[in-house]
């Protein structure tokens, strides 16, 4: 694993985390990095965070075969339900390195 800043995540995590914004898009332009689309997001999160890469193989398979949104909505596993809050925290820290550097051409603005 590359030298990644490990975020502080309270234990237990807060009961709510609000994320506001548009989905990642290659056509957004004006950002410092090209955000991964849903098809690549799971693999990128696994590279970034041991929490994502450490998911049980059954859940990883769902992400890879059915896509990020359906993988995250996977609910037949109560163990996964308990992990969601921490996974969202790690996803937020992953996306924290992306920012708008040219608002004149950025579709997010």
Protein backbone atom coordinates (compact mmCIF):
# COMPACT_ATOMS: atom_id res chain seq x y z
CA UNK A 1 0.00 0.00 0.00
CA UNK A 2 1.31 3.46 -0.85
CA UNK A 3 1.87 6.11 1.77
CA UNK A 4 -1.70 7.14 2.43
CA UNK A 5 -2.73 9.47 5.21
CA UNK A 6 -4.78 7.41 7.61
CA UNK A 7 -7.87 9.34 8.69
CA UNK A 8 -8.96 9.50 12.30
CA UNK A 9 -12.31 7.83 12.69
CA UNK A 10 -13.94 7.97 16.10
CA UNK A 11 -14.84 4.67 17.71
CA UNK A 12 -17.73 4.25 17.63
CA UNK A 13 -18.28 6.37 14.51
CA UNK A 14 -20.86 9.18 14.73
CA UNK A 15 -24.42 8.09 14.07
CA UNK A 16 -24.80 10.25 10.96
CA UNK A 17 -22.61 11.57 8.19
CA UNK A 18 -24.04 13.86 5.57
CA UNK A 19 -22.41 13.91 2.14
CA UNK A 20 -23.62 16.50 -0.32
CA UNK A 21 -22.61 16.76 -3.94
CA UNK A 22 -22.84 15.46 -7.44
CA UNK A 23 -21.65 12.04 -8.44
CA UNK A 24 -18.22 11.64 -9.96
CA UNK A 25 -18.07 12.46 -13.63
CA UNK A 26 -15.27 12.43 -16.19
CA UNK A 27 -16.96 15.35 -17.91
CA UNK A 28 -16.93 17.63 -14.88
CA UNK A 29 -13.57 19.22 -15.84
CA UNK A 30 -11.86 21.84 -13.71
CA UNK A 31 -10.85 19.42 -10.94
CA UNK A 32 -7.34 18.67 -9.71
CA UNK A 33 -7.77 14.91 -10.25
CA UNK A 34 -10.02 12.86 -12.49
CA UNK A 35 -12.58 11.24 -10.18
CA UNK A 36 -13.23 7.52 -10.64
CA UNK A 37 -16.59 6.52 -11.98
CA UNK A 38 -18.74 3.95 -10.20
CA UNK A 39 -17.27 1.09 -12.20
CA UNK A 40 -13.79 1.91 -10.85
CA UNK A 41 -14.68 3.39 -7.48
CA UNK A 42 -14.65 0.15 -5.48
CA UNK A 43 -11.16 -0.79 -6.70
CA UNK A 44 -9.86 2.71 -5.93
CA UNK A 45 -11.34 2.62 -2.42
CA UNK A 46 -9.72 -0.78 -1.85
CA UNK A 47 -6.33 0.67 -2.83
CA UNK A 48 -6.87 3.59 -0.46
CA UNK A 49 -8.31 1.92 2.62
CA UNK A 50 -7.76 -1.38 4.38
CA UNK A 51 -11.36 -1.20 5.57
CA UNK A 52 -12.58 -1.39 1.99
CA UNK A 53 -9.99 -3.94 0.90
CA UNK A 54 -10.71 -6.07 3.97
CA UNK A 55 -14.37 -6.70 3.19
CA UNK A 56 -15.45 -10.36 3.07
CA UNK A 57 -15.04 -11.94 -0.38
CA UNK A 58 -18.82 -12.40 -0.78
CA UNK A 59 -19.37 -8.65 -0.46
CA UNK A 60 -16.40 -7.82 -2.72
CA UNK A 61 -17.88 -10.11 -5.35
CA UNK A 62 -21.17 -8.18 -5.24
CA UNK A 63 -19.34 -4.86 -5.74
CA UNK A 64 -17.34 -6.23 -8.67
CA UNK A 65 -20.22 -8.03 -10.40
CA UNK A 66 -23.12 -5.68 -9.79
CA UNK A 67 -21.46 -2.28 -9.44
CA UNK A 68 -20.80 0.14 -6.63
CA UNK A 69 -24.35 1.27 -5.92
CA UNK A 70 -25.79 -2.23 -5.70
CA UNK A 71 -22.76 -3.45 -3.78
CA UNK A 72 -23.24 -0.73 -1.20
CA UNK A 73 -26.95 -1.50 -0.91
CA UNK A 74 -26.11 -5.15 -0.26
CA UNK A 75 -28.15 -5.86 2.85
CA UNK A 76 -28.49 -9.60 3.34
CA UNK A 77 -25.35 -9.51 5.47
CA UNK A 78 -25.86 -7.89 8.88
CA UNK A 79 -22.06 -7.73 9.38
CA UNK A 80 -21.85 -5.44 6.35
CA UNK A 81 -24.61 -3.20 7.70
CA UNK A 82 -22.49 -2.59 10.80
CA UNK A 83 -19.49 -1.61 8.63
CA UNK A 84 -21.26 0.93 6.43
CA UNK A 85 -20.70 3.95 8.64
CA UNK A 86 -16.93 3.34 8.82
CA UNK A 87 -16.79 2.65 5.07
CA UNK A 88 -18.54 5.96 4.37
CA UNK A 89 -16.00 7.75 6.57
CA UNK A 90 -13.14 6.25 4.59
CA UNK A 91 -14.85 7.12 1.32
CA UNK A 92 -15.23 10.73 2.47
CA UNK A 93 -11.52 10.95 3.30
CA UNK A 94 -10.67 9.44 -0.09
CA UNK A 95 -12.73 12.11 -1.87
CA UNK A 96 -11.24 14.87 0.28
CA UNK A 97 -8.18 14.95 -2.00
CA UNK A 98 -10.32 16.03 -4.97
CA UNK A 99 -11.09 19.69 -5.40
CA UNK A 100 -12.21 22.24 -7.98
CA UNK A 101 -9.22 24.13 -9.31
CA UNK A 102 -10.92 25.96 -12.21
CA UNK A 103 -14.52 26.93 -11.40
CA UNK A 104 -15.00 28.55 -14.82
CA UNK A 105 -15.04 25.16 -16.56
CA UNK A 106 -16.22 22.87 -13.78
CA UNK A 107 -19.68 21.32 -14.13
CA UNK A 108 -19.82 20.78 -10.36
CA UNK A 109 -19.95 24.54 -9.78
